[in-house]
Amino acid sequence: AAIGPQERDEWMLCFRRALDETIDNEKLREIIWPPVERLALHMQNRE
């Protein structure tokens, strides 16, 4: 499936919301987020 910037950003928004809703520890969220962001950028396969 084609994943462009819009799809990437929408997925990241959903993931961020889920992260905020399920993990109370802010430090843990800060640790988890950068690898998730890198994954999203890696999965983008069109501009």
N, C-alpha and C. Protein backbone atom coordinates (compact mmCIF):
# COMPACT_ATOMS: atom_id res chain seq x y z
N ALA A 1 0.84 -1.19 0.00
CA ALA A 1 0.00 0.00 0.00
C ALA A 1 0.88 1.24 0.00
N ALA A 2 0.41 2.26 -0.66
CA ALA A 2 1.16 3.51 -0.72
C ALA A 2 1.01 4.28 0.59
N ILE A 3 2.14 4.69 1.13
CA ILE A 3 2.14 5.48 2.36
C ILE A 3 2.90 6.76 2.08
N GLY A 4 2.16 7.85 2.05
CA GLY A 4 2.75 9.16 1.82
C GLY A 4 2.79 9.95 3.11
N PRO A 5 3.16 11.21 3.02
CA PRO A 5 3.25 12.04 4.21
C PRO A 5 1.93 12.15 4.98
N GLN A 6 0.83 12.26 4.27
CA GLN A 6 -0.46 12.40 4.96
C GLN A 6 -0.80 11.13 5.75
N GLU A 7 -0.64 9.98 5.12
CA GLU A 7 -0.93 8.71 5.80
C GLU A 7 0.00 8.52 7.00
N ARG A 8 1.27 8.85 6.80
CA ARG A 8 2.25 8.75 7.89
C ARG A 8 1.83 9.63 9.06
N ASP A 9 1.50 10.88 8.77
CA ASP A 9 1.14 11.82 9.83
C ASP A 9 -0.14 11.41 10.54
N GLU A 10 -1.11 10.89 9.80
CA GLU A 10 -2.36 10.44 10.43
C GLU A 10 -2.11 9.24 11.34
N TRP A 11 -1.26 8.31 10.89
CA TRP A 11 -0.92 7.15 11.71
C TRP A 11 -0.19 7.60 12.98
N MET A 12 0.74 8.55 12.82
CA MET A 12 1.49 9.04 13.98
C MET A 12 0.56 9.74 14.96
N LEU A 13 -0.41 10.47 14.48
CA LEU A 13 -1.37 11.13 15.36
C LEU A 13 -2.17 10.10 16.15
N CYS A 14 -2.63 9.06 15.48
CA CYS A 14 -3.37 7.99 16.17
C CYS A 14 -2.49 7.30 17.20
N PHE A 15 -1.25 7.03 16.82
CA PHE A 15 -0.34 6.35 17.74
C PHE A 15 -0.07 7.24 18.95
N ARG A 16 0.14 8.52 18.72
CA ARG A 16 0.41 9.46 19.82
C ARG A 16 -0.78 9.50 20.78
N ARG A 17 -1.97 9.55 20.24
CA ARG A 17 -3.17 9.57 21.09
C ARG A 17 -3.26 8.29 21.92
N ALA A 18 -3.03 7.15 21.28
CA ALA A 18 -3.08 5.88 22.00
C ALA A 18 -2.00 5.82 23.07
N LEU A 19 -0.82 6.29 22.76
CA LEU A 19 0.28 6.33 23.72
C LEU A 19 -0.10 7.19 24.92
N ASP A 20 -0.63 8.36 24.66
CA ASP A 20 -1.03 9.27 25.74
C ASP A 20 -2.15 8.70 26.59
N GLU A 21 -3.05 7.95 25.97
CA GLU A 21 -4.19 7.38 26.70
C GLU A 21 -3.81 6.16 27.53
N THR A 22 -2.78 5.44 27.12
CA THR A 22 -2.49 4.16 27.78
C THR A 22 -1.26 4.16 28.67
N ILE A 23 -0.36 5.11 28.49
CA ILE A 23 0.86 5.15 29.30
C ILE A 23 0.88 6.45 30.09
N ASP A 24 0.76 6.32 31.39
CA ASP A 24 0.71 7.49 32.27
C ASP A 24 2.09 8.12 32.49
N ASN A 25 3.12 7.32 32.42
CA ASN A 25 4.47 7.78 32.71
C ASN A 25 5.02 8.59 31.53
N GLU A 26 5.18 9.89 31.75
CA GLU A 26 5.64 10.78 30.68
C GLU A 26 7.04 10.42 30.19
N LYS A 27 7.92 10.07 31.11
CA LYS A 27 9.29 9.69 30.72
C LYS A 27 9.28 8.47 29.80
N LEU A 28 8.43 7.51 30.11
CA LEU A 28 8.33 6.32 29.27
C LEU A 28 7.80 6.68 27.88
N ARG A 29 6.81 7.56 27.82
CA ARG A 29 6.30 8.01 26.52
C ARG A 29 7.41 8.69 25.71
N GLU A 30 8.25 9.47 26.40
CA GLU A 30 9.36 10.15 25.72
C GLU A 30 10.38 9.16 25.18
N ILE A 31 10.54 8.03 25.86
CA ILE A 31 11.47 6.99 25.41
C ILE A 31 10.88 6.24 24.21
N ILE A 32 9.59 5.98 24.26
CA ILE A 32 8.93 5.19 23.22
C ILE A 32 8.77 5.97 21.91
N TRP A 33 8.51 7.26 22.00
CA TRP A 33 8.14 8.03 20.81
C TRP A 33 9.21 8.08 19.71
N PRO A 34 10.48 8.37 19.98
CA PRO A 34 11.45 8.48 18.88
C PRO A 34 11.56 7.24 17.99
N PRO A 35 11.61 6.02 18.53
CA PRO A 35 11.64 4.86 17.63
C PRO A 35 10.35 4.72 16.80
N VAL A 36 9.23 5.09 17.37
CA VAL A 36 7.96 5.04 16.63
C VAL A 36 8.01 6.03 15.47
N GLU A 37 8.52 7.21 15.75
CA GLU A 37 8.64 8.23 14.70
C GLU A 37 9.58 7.76 13.58
N ARG A 38 10.70 7.15 13.96
CA ARG A 38 11.63 6.63 12.95
C ARG A 38 10.97 5.53 12.12
N LEU A 39 10.20 4.67 12.77
CA LEU A 39 9.49 3.61 12.05
C LEU A 39 8.53 4.21 11.03
N ALA A 40 7.78 5.22 11.44
CA ALA A 40 6.82 5.85 10.54
C ALA A 40 7.53 6.45 9.32
N LEU A 41 8.65 7.10 9.56
CA LEU A 41 9.41 7.68 8.44
C LEU A 41 9.95 6.59 7.53
N HIS A 42 10.37 5.49 8.11
CA HIS A 42 10.89 4.37 7.32
C HIS A 42 9.80 3.73 6.45
N MET A 43 8.59 3.66 6.97
CA MET A 43 7.49 3.00 6.26
C MET A 43 6.92 3.84 5.13
N GLN A 44 7.19 5.14 5.14
CA GLN A 44 6.70 6.00 4.06
C GLN A 44 7.38 5.57 2.76
N ASN A 45 6.58 5.30 1.74
CA ASN A 45 7.15 4.81 0.48
C ASN A 45 6.78 5.68 -0.72
N ARG A 46 6.26 6.84 -0.47
CA ARG A 46 6.02 7.80 -1.56
C ARG A 46 6.01 9.21 -0.97
N GLU A 47 6.26 10.18 -1.83
CA GLU A 47 6.31 11.58 -1.38
C GLU A 47 4.97 12.23 -1.39
